[in-house]
Amino acid sequence: MGKQVKGTSTAPLILGIIGFVVSIPSIVCSAVCAVATAGIGTPGLIAVILAGLIGLIFGILAKSQPVISGIAMIIAAVIALVAIFLCPAAWFWNLAMLILFLIGGIMAITKKEEVDVP
């Protein structure tokens, strides 16, 4: 017959969702930082929200478009790295988000397809 491709792993999806959940405390902390500094911390808040949403959306799309999603998740990891320096109060949450998105992006790019051969 022929080869039947099952698709990629669900690990980028799971890592994207967990990375977004981890970004929620960082968003709250960055919002407090932005309010406490009279708006100076606003770029940090924007970076955290942007990284979390990019990681979540492209983590969900990783099964259908793995290469594009992997690149976008790595970009989200870079944005999370920038957010570490923009809002140092939330460094732990941003670092956790960075690691999750980076691993998910690498896994999406280097996907291994499962093939059934009858």
PDB file of N, CA and C in Angstrom:
ATOM      1  N   MET A   1       0.831  -1.183   0.000  1.00  0.00           N
ATOM      2  CA  MET A   1       0.000   0.000   0.000  1.00  0.00           C
ATOM      3  C   MET A   1       0.877   1.248   0.000  1.00  0.00           C
ATOM      4  N   GLY A   2       0.900   1.990   1.071  1.00  0.00           N
ATOM      5  CA  GLY A   2       1.699   3.202   1.154  1.00  0.00           C
ATOM      6  C   GLY A   2       1.980   3.543   2.592  1.00  0.00           C
ATOM      7  N   LYS A   3       2.683   4.614   2.749  1.00  0.00           N
ATOM      8  CA  LYS A   3       3.007   5.056   4.091  1.00  0.00           C
ATOM      9  C   LYS A   3       1.910   5.969   4.610  1.00  0.00           C
ATOM     10  N   GLN A   4       1.587   5.802   5.858  1.00  0.00           N
ATOM     11  CA  GLN A   4       0.596   6.656   6.489  1.00  0.00           C
ATOM     12  C   GLN A   4       1.298   7.463   7.579  1.00  0.00           C
ATOM     13  N   VAL A   5       1.286   8.771   7.435  1.00  0.00           N
ATOM     14  CA  VAL A   5       1.970   9.644   8.390  1.00  0.00           C
ATOM     15  C   VAL A   5       0.980  10.027   9.480  1.00  0.00           C
ATOM     16  N   LYS A   6       1.343   9.764  10.716  1.00  0.00           N
ATOM     17  CA  LYS A   6       0.460  10.073  11.838  1.00  0.00           C
ATOM     18  C   LYS A   6       0.580  11.517  12.294  1.00  0.00           C
ATOM     19  N   GLY A   7       1.706  12.121  12.120  1.00  0.00           N
ATOM     20  CA  GLY A   7       1.862  13.503  12.568  1.00  0.00           C
ATOM     21  C   GLY A   7       2.976  13.640  13.580  1.00  0.00           C
ATOM     22  N   THR A   8       2.993  14.755  14.235  1.00  0.00           N
ATOM     23  CA  THR A   8       4.069  15.045  15.180  1.00  0.00           C
ATOM     24  C   THR A   8       3.610  14.795  16.613  1.00  0.00           C
ATOM     25  N   SER A   9       4.517  14.984  17.505  1.00  0.00           N
ATOM     26  CA  SER A   9       4.251  14.805  18.922  1.00  0.00           C
ATOM     27  C   SER A   9       3.349  15.918  19.451  1.00  0.00           C
ATOM     28  N   THR A  10       2.681  15.639  20.542  1.00  0.00           N
ATOM     29  CA  THR A  10       1.854  16.661  21.185  1.00  0.00           C
ATOM     30  C   THR A  10       2.642  17.453  22.223  1.00  0.00           C
ATOM     31  N   ALA A  11       3.936  17.167  22.351  1.00  0.00           N
ATOM     32  CA  ALA A  11       4.761  17.861  23.345  1.00  0.00           C
ATOM     33  C   ALA A  11       4.812  19.378  23.131  1.00  0.00           C
ATOM     34  N   PRO A  12       4.976  19.904  21.894  1.00  0.00           N
ATOM     35  CA  PRO A  12       4.959  21.369  21.738  1.00  0.00           C
ATOM     36  C   PRO A  12       3.631  21.992  22.171  1.00  0.00           C
ATOM     37  N   LEU A  13       2.530  21.285  21.931  1.00  0.00           N
ATOM     38  CA  LEU A  13       1.220  21.780  22.372  1.00  0.00           C
ATOM     39  C   LEU A  13       1.173  21.873  23.892  1.00  0.00           C
ATOM     40  N   ILE A  14       1.607  20.824  24.557  1.00  0.00           N
ATOM     41  CA  ILE A  14       1.584  20.795  26.013  1.00  0.00           C
ATOM     42  C   ILE A  14       2.533  21.845  26.590  1.00  0.00           C
ATOM     43  N   LEU A  15       3.729  21.958  26.017  1.00  0.00           N
ATOM     44  CA  LEU A  15       4.686  22.953  26.504  1.00  0.00           C
ATOM     45  C   LEU A  15       4.196  24.377  26.248  1.00  0.00           C
ATOM     46  N   GLY A  16       3.490  24.597  25.131  1.00  0.00           N
ATOM     47  CA  GLY A  16       2.922  25.922  24.859  1.00  0.00           C
ATOM     48  C   GLY A  16       1.849  26.295  25.861  1.00  0.00           C
ATOM     49  N   ILE A  17       1.006  25.338  26.220  1.00  0.00           N
ATOM     50  CA  ILE A  17      -0.053  25.606  27.196  1.00  0.00           C
ATOM     51  C   ILE A  17       0.542  25.839  28.581  1.00  0.00           C
ATOM     52  N   ILE A  18       1.481  24.985  28.979  1.00  0.00           N
ATOM     53  CA  ILE A  18       2.110  25.155  30.291  1.00  0.00           C
ATOM     54  C   ILE A  18       2.893  26.472  30.342  1.00  0.00           C
ATOM     55  N   GLY A  19       3.559  26.819  29.241  1.00  0.00           N
ATOM     56  CA  GLY A  19       4.285  28.090  29.187  1.00  0.00           C
ATOM     57  C   GLY A  19       3.356  29.279  29.341  1.00  0.00           C
ATOM     58  N   PHE A  20       2.163  29.197  28.754  1.00  0.00           N
ATOM     59  CA  PHE A  20       1.200  30.286  28.911  1.00  0.00           C
ATOM     60  C   PHE A  20       0.692  30.361  30.346  1.00  0.00           C
ATOM     61  N   VAL A  21       0.438  29.206  30.953  1.00  0.00           N
ATOM     62  CA  VAL A  21      -0.016  29.191  32.349  1.00  0.00           C
ATOM     63  C   VAL A  21       1.062  29.777  33.266  1.00  0.00           C
ATOM     64  N   VAL A  22       2.321  29.479  32.965  1.00  0.00           N
ATOM     65  CA  VAL A  22       3.423  30.035  33.748  1.00  0.00           C
ATOM     66  C   VAL A  22       3.531  31.542  33.533  1.00  0.00           C
ATOM     67  N   SER A  23       3.108  32.019  32.365  1.00  0.00           N
ATOM     68  CA  SER A  23       3.211  33.455  32.096  1.00  0.00           C
ATOM     69  C   SER A  23       2.174  34.273  32.869  1.00  0.00           C
ATOM     70  N   ILE A  24       1.129  33.638  33.377  1.00  0.00           N
ATOM     71  CA  ILE A  24       0.087  34.381  34.092  1.00  0.00           C
ATOM     72  C   ILE A  24       0.637  35.063  35.353  1.00  0.00           C
ATOM     73  N   PRO A  25       1.396  34.357  36.244  1.00  0.00           N
ATOM     74  CA  PRO A  25       1.973  35.091  37.380  1.00  0.00           C
ATOM     75  C   PRO A  25       2.954  36.179  36.942  1.00  0.00           C
ATOM     76  N   SER A  26       3.650  35.940  35.843  1.00  0.00           N
ATOM     77  CA  SER A  26       4.576  36.945  35.330  1.00  0.00           C
ATOM     78  C   SER A  26       3.823  38.173  34.834  1.00  0.00           C
ATOM     79  N   ILE A  27       2.673  37.964  34.213  1.00  0.00           N
ATOM     80  CA  ILE A  27       1.853  39.088  33.753  1.00  0.00           C
ATOM     81  C   ILE A  27       1.390  39.925  34.948  1.00  0.00           C
ATOM     82  N   VAL A  28       0.936  39.233  36.006  1.00  0.00           N
ATOM     83  CA  VAL A  28       0.481  39.951  37.196  1.00  0.00           C
ATOM     84  C   VAL A  28       1.641  40.728  37.827  1.00  0.00           C
ATOM     85  N   CYS A  29       2.779  40.089  37.952  1.00  0.00           N
ATOM     86  CA  CYS A  29       3.949  40.752  38.554  1.00  0.00           C
ATOM     87  C   CYS A  29       4.427  41.921  37.691  1.00  0.00           C
ATOM     88  N   SER A  30       4.405  41.737  36.381  1.00  0.00           N
ATOM     89  CA  SER A  30       4.823  42.813  35.479  1.00  0.00           C
ATOM     90  C   SER A  30       3.836  43.976  35.515  1.00  0.00           C
ATOM     91  N   ALA A  31       2.552  43.669  35.696  1.00  0.00           N
ATOM     92  CA  ALA A  31       1.554  44.737  35.802  1.00  0.00           C
ATOM     93  C   ALA A  31       1.773  45.553  37.069  1.00  0.00           C
ATOM     94  N   VAL A  32       2.095  44.878  38.166  1.00  0.00           N
ATOM     95  CA  VAL A  32       2.391  45.594  39.408  1.00  0.00           C
ATOM     96  C   VAL A  32       3.648  46.436  39.238  1.00  0.00           C
ATOM     97  N   CYS A  33       4.632  45.871  38.553  1.00  0.00           N
ATOM     98  CA  CYS A  33       5.877  46.604  38.286  1.00  0.00           C
ATOM     99  C   CYS A  33       5.592  47.836  37.426  1.00  0.00           C
ATOM    100  N   ALA A  34       4.718  47.710  36.445  1.00  0.00           N
ATOM    101  CA  ALA A  34       4.393  48.839  35.573  1.00  0.00           C
ATOM    102  C   ALA A  34       3.661  49.930  36.336  1.00  0.00           C
ATOM    103  N   VAL A  35       2.759  49.540  37.236  1.00  0.00           N
ATOM    104  CA  VAL A  35       2.020  50.528  38.019  1.00  0.00           C
ATOM    105  C   VAL A  35       2.935  51.195  39.036  1.00  0.00           C
ATOM    106  N   ALA A  36       3.803  50.406  39.667  1.00  0.00           N
ATOM    107  CA  ALA A  36       4.681  50.952  40.707  1.00  0.00           C
ATOM    108  C   ALA A  36       5.714  51.917  40.149  1.00  0.00           C
ATOM    109  N   THR A  37       6.101  51.725  38.903  1.00  0.00           N
ATOM    110  CA  THR A  37       7.120  52.603  38.318  1.00  0.00           C
ATOM    111  C   THR A  37       6.513  53.692  37.449  1.00  0.00           C
ATOM    112  N   ALA A  38       5.230  53.932  37.610  1.00  0.00           N
ATOM    113  CA  ALA A  38       4.520  54.991  36.877  1.00  0.00           C
ATOM    114  C   ALA A  38       4.641  54.822  35.369  1.00  0.00           C
ATOM    115  N   GLY A  39       4.523  53.592  34.904  1.00  0.00           N
ATOM    116  CA  GLY A  39       4.498  53.329  33.466  1.00  0.00           C
ATOM    117  C   GLY A  39       5.825  52.962  32.854  1.00  0.00           C
ATOM    118  N   ILE A  40       6.908  53.042  33.608  1.00  0.00           N
ATOM    119  CA  ILE A  40       8.218  52.703  33.051  1.00  0.00           C
ATOM    120  C   ILE A  40       8.312  51.205  32.770  1.00  0.00           C
ATOM    121  N   GLY A  41       7.628  50.396  33.565  1.00  0.00           N
ATOM    122  CA  GLY A  41       7.662  48.945  33.385  1.00  0.00           C
ATOM    123  C   GLY A  41       6.675  48.423  32.359  1.00  0.00           C
ATOM    124  N   THR A  42       5.980  49.292  31.659  1.00  0.00           N
ATOM    125  CA  THR A  42       4.987  48.861  30.671  1.00  0.00           C
ATOM    126  C   THR A  42       5.588  48.032  29.538  1.00  0.00           C
ATOM    127  N   PRO A  43       6.759  48.325  28.993  1.00  0.00           N
ATOM    128  CA  PRO A  43       7.323  47.454  27.958  1.00  0.00           C
ATOM    129  C   PRO A  43       7.545  46.020  28.443  1.00  0.00           C
ATOM    130  N   GLY A  44       7.875  45.859  29.713  1.00  0.00           N
ATOM    131  CA  GLY A  44       8.018  44.521  30.267  1.00  0.00           C
ATOM    132  C   GLY A  44       6.702  43.776  30.280  1.00  0.00           C
ATOM    133  N   LEU A  45       5.641  44.482  30.634  1.00  0.00           N
ATOM    134  CA  LEU A  45       4.305  43.886  30.636  1.00  0.00           C
ATOM    135  C   LEU A  45       3.892  43.487  29.231  1.00  0.00           C
ATOM    136  N   ILE A  46       4.137  44.358  28.273  1.00  0.00           N
ATOM    137  CA  ILE A  46       3.790  44.060  26.881  1.00  0.00           C
ATOM    138  C   ILE A  46       4.590  42.866  26.374  1.00  0.00           C
ATOM    139  N   ALA A  47       5.867  42.801  26.726  1.00  0.00           N
ATOM    140  CA  ALA A  47       6.717  41.682  26.292  1.00  0.00           C
ATOM    141  C   ALA A  47       6.230  40.358  26.865  1.00  0.00           C
ATOM    142  N   VAL A  48       5.837  40.358  28.133  1.00  0.00           N
ATOM    143  CA  VAL A  48       5.367  39.124  28.762  1.00  0.00           C
ATOM    144  C   VAL A  48       4.055  38.663  28.139  1.00  0.00           C
ATOM    145  N   ILE A  49       3.135  39.586  27.930  1.00  0.00           N
ATOM    146  CA  ILE A  49       1.854  39.226  27.314  1.00  0.00           C
ATOM    147  C   ILE A  49       2.076  38.715  25.896  1.00  0.00           C
ATOM    148  N   LEU A  50       2.918  39.394  25.138  1.00  0.00           N
ATOM    149  CA  LEU A  50       3.197  38.995  23.760  1.00  0.00           C
ATOM    150  C   LEU A  50       3.846  37.610  23.707  1.00  0.00           C
ATOM    151  N   ALA A  51       4.828  37.368  24.559  1.00  0.00           N
ATOM    152  CA  ALA A  51       5.498  36.064  24.573  1.00  0.00           C
ATOM    153  C   ALA A  51       4.524  34.960  24.952  1.00  0.00           C
ATOM    154  N   GLY A  52       3.697  35.199  25.949  1.00  0.00           N
ATOM    155  CA  GLY A  52       2.731  34.187  26.373  1.00  0.00           C
ATOM    156  C   GLY A  52       1.718  33.848  25.284  1.00  0.00           C
ATOM    157  N   LEU A  53       1.202  34.872  24.614  1.00  0.00           N
ATOM    158  CA  LEU A  53       0.209  34.623  23.559  1.00  0.00           C
ATOM    159  C   LEU A  53       0.821  33.954  22.335  1.00  0.00           C
ATOM    160  N   ILE A  54       2.016  34.380  21.936  1.00  0.00           N
ATOM    161  CA  ILE A  54       2.680  33.737  20.791  1.00  0.00           C
ATOM    162  C   ILE A  54       2.957  32.272  21.103  1.00  0.00           C
ATOM    163  N   GLY A  55       3.469  32.007  22.298  1.00  0.00           N
ATOM    164  CA  GLY A  55       3.754  30.625  22.678  1.00  0.00           C
ATOM    165  C   GLY A  55       2.509  29.759  22.716  1.00  0.00           C
ATOM    166  N   LEU A  56       1.409  30.298  23.234  1.00  0.00           N
ATOM    167  CA  LEU A  56       0.163  29.531  23.304  1.00  0.00           C
ATOM    168  C   LEU A  56      -0.411  29.267  21.921  1.00  0.00           C
ATOM    169  N   ILE A  57      -0.527  30.301  21.115  1.00  0.00           N
ATOM    170  CA  ILE A  57      -1.155  30.158  19.789  1.00  0.00           C
ATOM    171  C   ILE A  57      -0.347  29.222  18.901  1.00  0.00           C
ATOM    172  N   PHE A  58       0.949  29.414  18.847  1.00  0.00           N
ATOM    173  CA  PHE A  58       1.750  28.568  17.973  1.00  0.00           C
ATOM    174  C   PHE A  58       2.037  27.206  18.580  1.00  0.00           C
ATOM    175  N   GLY A  59       1.881  27.061  19.894  1.00  0.00           N
ATOM    176  CA  GLY A  59       1.923  25.741  20.495  1.00  0.00           C
ATOM    177  C   GLY A  59       0.719  24.913  20.076  1.00  0.00           C
ATOM    178  N   ILE A  60      -0.430  25.566  19.972  1.00  0.00           N
ATOM    179  CA  ILE A  60      -1.639  24.879  19.512  1.00  0.00           C
ATOM    180  C   ILE A  60      -1.509  24.498  18.041  1.00  0.00           C
ATOM    181  N   LEU A  61      -0.882  25.350  17.241  1.00  0.00           N
ATOM    182  CA  LEU A  61      -0.732  25.082  15.812  1.00  0.00           C
ATOM    183  C   LEU A  61       0.451  24.173  15.478  1.00  0.00           C
ATOM    184  N   ALA A  62       1.181  23.712  16.479  1.00  0.00           N
ATOM    185  CA  ALA A  62       2.414  22.949  16.236  1.00  0.00           C
ATOM    186  C   ALA A  62       2.155  21.615  15.546  1.00  0.00           C
ATOM    187  N   LYS A  63       1.002  21.033  15.715  1.00  0.00           N
ATOM    188  CA  LYS A  63       0.719  19.741  15.086  1.00  0.00           C
ATOM    189  C   LYS A  63       0.503  19.892  13.584  1.00  0.00           C
ATOM    190  N   SER A  64      -0.147  20.976  13.177  1.00  0.00           N
ATOM    191  CA  SER A  64      -0.439  21.147  11.750  1.00  0.00           C
ATOM    192  C   SER A  64       0.676  21.876  11.000  1.00  0.00           C
ATOM    193  N   GLN A  65       1.353  22.814  11.652  1.00  0.00           N
ATOM    194  CA  GLN A  65       2.428  23.587  11.017  1.00  0.00           C
ATOM    195  C   GLN A  65       3.649  23.600  11.947  1.00  0.00           C
ATOM    196  N   PRO A  66       4.382  22.493  12.004  1.00  0.00           N
ATOM    197  CA  PRO A  66       5.436  22.388  13.021  1.00  0.00           C
ATOM    198  C   PRO A  66       6.616  23.335  12.834  1.00  0.00           C
ATOM    199  N   VAL A  67       7.051  23.585  11.615  1.00  0.00           N
ATOM    200  CA  VAL A  67       8.236  24.425  11.424  1.00  0.00           C
ATOM    201  C   VAL A  67       7.930  25.884  11.748  1.00  0.00           C
ATOM    202  N   ILE A  68       6.828  26.397  11.248  1.00  0.00           N
ATOM    203  CA  ILE A  68       6.437  27.779  11.528  1.00  0.00           C
ATOM    204  C   ILE A  68       6.181  27.961  13.012  1.00  0.00           C
ATOM    205  N   SER A  69       5.509  26.988  13.628  1.00  0.00           N
ATOM    206  CA  SER A  69       5.228  27.067  15.055  1.00  0.00           C
ATOM    207  C   SER A  69       6.498  26.991  15.877  1.00  0.00           C
ATOM    208  N   GLY A  70       7.441  26.154  15.466  1.00  0.00           N
ATOM    209  CA  GLY A  70       8.702  26.051  16.185  1.00  0.00           C
ATOM    210  C   GLY A  70       9.483  27.346  16.151  1.00  0.00           C
ATOM    211  N   ILE A  71       9.526  27.979  14.994  1.00  0.00           N
ATOM    212  CA  ILE A  71      10.231  29.264  14.871  1.00  0.00           C
ATOM    213  C   ILE A  71       9.538  30.325  15.722  1.00  0.00           C
ATOM    214  N   ALA A  72       8.209  30.346  15.695  1.00  0.00           N
ATOM    215  CA  ALA A  72       7.465  31.334  16.486  1.00  0.00           C
ATOM    216  C   ALA A  72       7.650  31.097  17.985  1.00  0.00           C
ATOM    217  N   MET A  73       7.715  29.834  18.404  1.00  0.00           N
ATOM    218  CA  MET A  73       7.927  29.556  19.826  1.00  0.00           C
ATOM    219  C   MET A  73       9.333  29.951  20.267  1.00  0.00           C
ATOM    220  N   ILE A  74      10.302  29.810  19.382  1.00  0.00           N
ATOM    221  CA  ILE A  74      11.657  30.260  19.713  1.00  0.00           C
ATOM    222  C   ILE A  74      11.697  31.789  19.789  1.00  0.00           C
ATOM    223  N   ILE A  75      10.953  32.462  18.917  1.00  0.00           N
ATOM    224  CA  ILE A  75      10.842  33.924  18.991  1.00  0.00           C
ATOM    225  C   ILE A  75      10.178  34.325  20.313  1.00  0.00           C
ATOM    226  N   ALA A  76       9.149  33.575  20.741  1.00  0.00           N
ATOM    227  CA  ALA A  76       8.511  33.846  22.033  1.00  0.00           C
ATOM    228  C   ALA A  76       9.500  33.660  23.181  1.00  0.00           C
ATOM    229  N   ALA A  77      10.389  32.679  23.052  1.00  0.00           N
ATOM    230  CA  ALA A  77      11.422  32.474  24.078  1.00  0.00           C
ATOM    231  C   ALA A  77      12.384  33.655  24.124  1.00  0.00           C
ATOM    232  N   VAL A  78      12.731  34.206  22.963  1.00  0.00           N
ATOM    233  CA  VAL A  78      13.617  35.377  22.920  1.00  0.00           C
ATOM    234  C   VAL A  78      12.918  36.587  23.544  1.00  0.00           C
ATOM    235  N   ILE A  79      11.627  36.741  23.268  1.00  0.00           N
ATOM    236  CA  ILE A  79      10.868  37.840  23.879  1.00  0.00           C
ATOM    237  C   ILE A  79      10.812  37.662  25.396  1.00  0.00           C
ATOM    238  N   ALA A  80      10.682  36.423  25.857  1.00  0.00           N
ATOM    239  CA  ALA A  80      10.695  36.159  27.300  1.00  0.00           C
ATOM    240  C   ALA A  80      12.065  36.497  27.896  1.00  0.00           C
ATOM    241  N   LEU A  81      13.128  36.269  27.127  1.00  0.00           N
ATOM    242  CA  LEU A  81      14.470  36.646  27.588  1.00  0.00           C
ATOM    243  C   LEU A  81      14.572  38.162  27.739  1.00  0.00           C
ATOM    244  N   VAL A  82      14.023  38.891  26.794  1.00  0.00           N
ATOM    245  CA  VAL A  82      14.016  40.355  26.885  1.00  0.00           C
ATOM    246  C   VAL A  82      13.185  40.795  28.093  1.00  0.00           C
ATOM    247  N   ALA A  83      12.081  40.088  28.339  1.00  0.00           N
ATOM    248  CA  ALA A  83      11.217  40.440  29.470  1.00  0.00           C
ATOM    249  C   ALA A  83      11.921  40.233  30.805  1.00  0.00           C
ATOM    250  N   ILE A  84      12.871  39.310  30.861  1.00  0.00           N
ATOM    251  CA  ILE A  84      13.640  39.117  32.100  1.00  0.00           C
ATOM    252  C   ILE A  84      14.372  40.405  32.467  1.00  0.00           C
ATOM    253  N   PHE A  85      14.907  41.088  31.474  1.00  0.00           N
ATOM    254  CA  PHE A  85      15.651  42.313  31.735  1.00  0.00           C
ATOM    255  C   PHE A  85      14.743  43.532  31.890  1.00  0.00           C
ATOM    256  N   LEU A  86      13.558  43.492  31.272  1.00  0.00           N
ATOM    257  CA  LEU A  86      12.642  44.624  31.384  1.00  0.00           C
ATOM    258  C   LEU A  86      11.911  44.652  32.713  1.00  0.00           C
ATOM    259  N   CYS A  87      11.646  43.493  33.266  1.00  0.00           N
ATOM    260  CA  CYS A  87      10.971  43.411  34.567  1.00  0.00           C
ATOM    261  C   CYS A  87      11.682  42.366  35.425  1.00  0.00           C
ATOM    262  N   PRO A  88      12.750  42.749  36.098  1.00  0.00           N
ATOM    263  CA  PRO A  88      13.539  41.775  36.858  1.00  0.00           C
ATOM    264  C   PRO A  88      12.800  41.174  38.046  1.00  0.00           C
ATOM    265  N   ALA A  89      11.695  41.773  38.471  1.00  0.00           N
ATOM    266  CA  ALA A  89      10.957  41.229  39.602  1.00  0.00           C
ATOM    267  C   ALA A  89      10.317  39.882  39.256  1.00  0.00           C
ATOM    268  N   ALA A  90      10.022  39.655  37.989  1.00  0.00           N
ATOM    269  CA  ALA A  90       9.376  38.415  37.555  1.00  0.00           C
ATOM    270  C   ALA A  90      10.354  37.513  36.825  1.00  0.00           C
ATOM    271  N   TRP A  91      11.623  37.562  37.173  1.00  0.00           N
ATOM    272  CA  TRP A  91      12.641  36.828  36.420  1.00  0.00           C
ATOM    273  C   TRP A  91      12.404  35.326  36.454  1.00  0.00           C
ATOM    274  N   PHE A  92      11.949  34.790  37.575  1.00  0.00           N
ATOM    275  CA  PHE A  92      11.769  33.343  37.682  1.00  0.00           C
ATOM    276  C   PHE A  92      10.697  32.851  36.719  1.00  0.00           C
ATOM    277  N   TRP A  93       9.578  33.548  36.675  1.00  0.00           N
ATOM    278  CA  TRP A  93       8.476  33.128  35.803  1.00  0.00           C
ATOM    279  C   TRP A  93       8.844  33.309  34.337  1.00  0.00           C
ATOM    280  N   ASN A  94       9.552  34.380  34.032  1.00  0.00           N
ATOM    281  CA  ASN A  94       9.982  34.601  32.650  1.00  0.00           C
ATOM    282  C   ASN A  94      11.017  33.564  32.221  1.00  0.00           C
ATOM    283  N   LEU A  95      11.890  33.175  33.127  1.00  0.00           N
ATOM    284  CA  LEU A  95      12.879  32.141  32.814  1.00  0.00           C
ATOM    285  C   LEU A  95      12.205  30.791  32.583  1.00  0.00           C
ATOM    286  N   ALA A  96      11.208  30.475  33.410  1.00  0.00           N
ATOM    287  CA  ALA A  96      10.466  29.222  33.216  1.00  0.00           C
ATOM    288  C   ALA A  96       9.734  29.232  31.870  1.00  0.00           C
ATOM    289  N   MET A  97       9.124  30.367  31.533  1.00  0.00           N
ATOM    290  CA  MET A  97       8.432  30.501  30.253  1.00  0.00           C
ATOM    291  C   MET A  97       9.423  30.376  29.096  1.00  0.00           C
ATOM    292  N   LEU A  98      10.584  30.991  29.234  1.00  0.00           N
ATOM    293  CA  LEU A  98      11.622  30.912  28.202  1.00  0.00           C
ATOM    294  C   LEU A  98      12.038  29.464  27.959  1.00  0.00           C
ATOM    295  N   ILE A  99      12.286  28.725  29.025  1.00  0.00           N
ATOM    296  CA  ILE A  99      12.723  27.335  28.889  1.00  0.00           C
ATOM    297  C   ILE A  99      11.646  26.477  28.235  1.00  0.00           C
ATOM    298  N   LEU A 100      10.403  26.639  28.660  1.00  0.00           N
ATOM    299  CA  LEU A 100       9.312  25.836  28.093  1.00  0.00           C
ATOM    300  C   LEU A 100       9.105  26.128  26.610  1.00  0.00           C
ATOM    301  N   PHE A 101       9.106  27.408  26.238  1.00  0.00           N
ATOM    302  CA  PHE A 101       8.906  27.757  24.827  1.00  0.00           C
ATOM    303  C   PHE A 101      10.091  27.334  23.972  1.00  0.00           C
ATOM    304  N   LEU A 102      11.296  27.443  24.514  1.00  0.00           N
ATOM    305  CA  LEU A 102      12.474  27.047  23.761  1.00  0.00           C
ATOM    306  C   LEU A 102      12.471  25.536  23.500  1.00  0.00           C
ATOM    307  N   ILE A 103      12.178  24.748  24.510  1.00  0.00           N
ATOM    308  CA  ILE A 103      12.117  23.294  24.327  1.00  0.00           C
ATOM    309  C   ILE A 103      10.992  22.923  23.367  1.00  0.00           C
ATOM    310  N   GLY A 104       9.828  23.554  23.521  1.00  0.00           N
ATOM    311  CA  GLY A 104       8.710  23.277  22.617  1.00  0.00           C
ATOM    312  C   GLY A 104       9.016  23.654  21.180  1.00  0.00           C
ATOM    313  N   GLY A 105       9.694  24.788  20.983  1.00  0.00           N
ATOM    314  CA  GLY A 105      10.061  25.211  19.637  1.00  0.00           C
ATOM    315  C   GLY A 105      11.060  24.278  18.987  1.00  0.00           C
ATOM    316  N   ILE A 106      12.057  23.851  19.755  1.00  0.00           N
ATOM    317  CA  ILE A 106      13.049  22.917  19.208  1.00  0.00           C
ATOM    318  C   ILE A 106      12.398  21.583  18.875  1.00  0.00           C
ATOM    319  N   MET A 107      11.502  21.122  19.736  1.00  0.00           N
ATOM    320  CA  MET A 107      10.825  19.853  19.470  1.00  0.00           C
ATOM    321  C   MET A 107       9.918  19.944  18.243  1.00  0.00           C
ATOM    322  N   ALA A 108       9.299  21.110  18.041  1.00  0.00           N
ATOM    323  CA  ALA A 108       8.424  21.263  16.877  1.00  0.00           C
ATOM    324  C   ALA A 108       9.239  21.300  15.581  1.00  0.00           C
ATOM    325  N   ILE A 109      10.394  21.949  15.611  1.00  0.00           N
ATOM    326  CA  ILE A 109      11.213  22.034  14.402  1.00  0.00           C
ATOM    327  C   ILE A 109      11.840  20.687  14.057  1.00  0.00           C
ATOM    328  N   THR A 110      12.328  19.987  15.056  1.00  0.00           N
ATOM    329  CA  THR A 110      12.991  18.703  14.821  1.00  0.00           C
ATOM    330  C   THR A 110      12.024  17.550  15.001  1.00  0.00           C
ATOM    331  N   LYS A 111      10.850  17.685  14.450  1.00  0.00           N
ATOM    332  CA  LYS A 111       9.808  16.674  14.611  1.00  0.00           C
ATOM    333  C   LYS A 111      10.220  15.352  13.985  1.00  0.00           C
ATOM    334  N   LYS A 112       9.716  14.318  14.568  1.00  0.00           N
ATOM    335  CA  LYS A 112       9.910  12.984  14.003  1.00  0.00           C
ATOM    336  C   LYS A 112       8.516  12.456  13.651  1.00  0.00           C
ATOM    337  N   GLU A 113       8.329  12.118  12.412  1.00  0.00           N
ATOM    338  CA  GLU A 113       7.039  11.611  11.980  1.00  0.00           C
ATOM    339  C   GLU A 113       6.935  10.122  12.235  1.00  0.00           C
ATOM    340  N   GLU A 114       5.779   9.718  12.731  1.00  0.00           N
ATOM    341  CA  GLU A 114       5.529   8.303  12.940  1.00  0.00           C
ATOM    342  C   GLU A 114       4.904   7.761  11.666  1.00  0.00           C
ATOM    343  N   VAL A 115       5.475   6.712  11.138  1.00  0.00           N
ATOM    344  CA  VAL A 115       5.008   6.156   9.866  1.00  0.00           C
ATOM    345  C   VAL A 115       4.576   4.722  10.075  1.00  0.00           C
ATOM    346  N   ASP A 116       3.381   4.401   9.623  1.00  0.00           N
ATOM    347  CA  ASP A 116       2.902   3.021   9.637  1.00  0.00           C
ATOM    348  C   ASP A 116       3.125   2.418   8.258  1.00  0.00           C
ATOM    349  N   VAL A 117       3.817   1.328   8.225  1.00  0.00           N
ATOM    350  CA  VAL A 117       4.030   0.620   6.962  1.00  0.00           C
ATOM    351  C   VAL A 117       3.289  -0.700   7.063  1.00  0.00           C
ATOM    352  N   PRO A 118       2.290  -0.904   6.211  1.00  0.00           N
ATOM    353  CA  PRO A 118       1.517  -2.153   6.296  1.00  0.00           C
ATOM    354  C   PRO A 118       2.289  -3.375   5.859  1.00  0.00           C
TER     355      PRO A 118
END
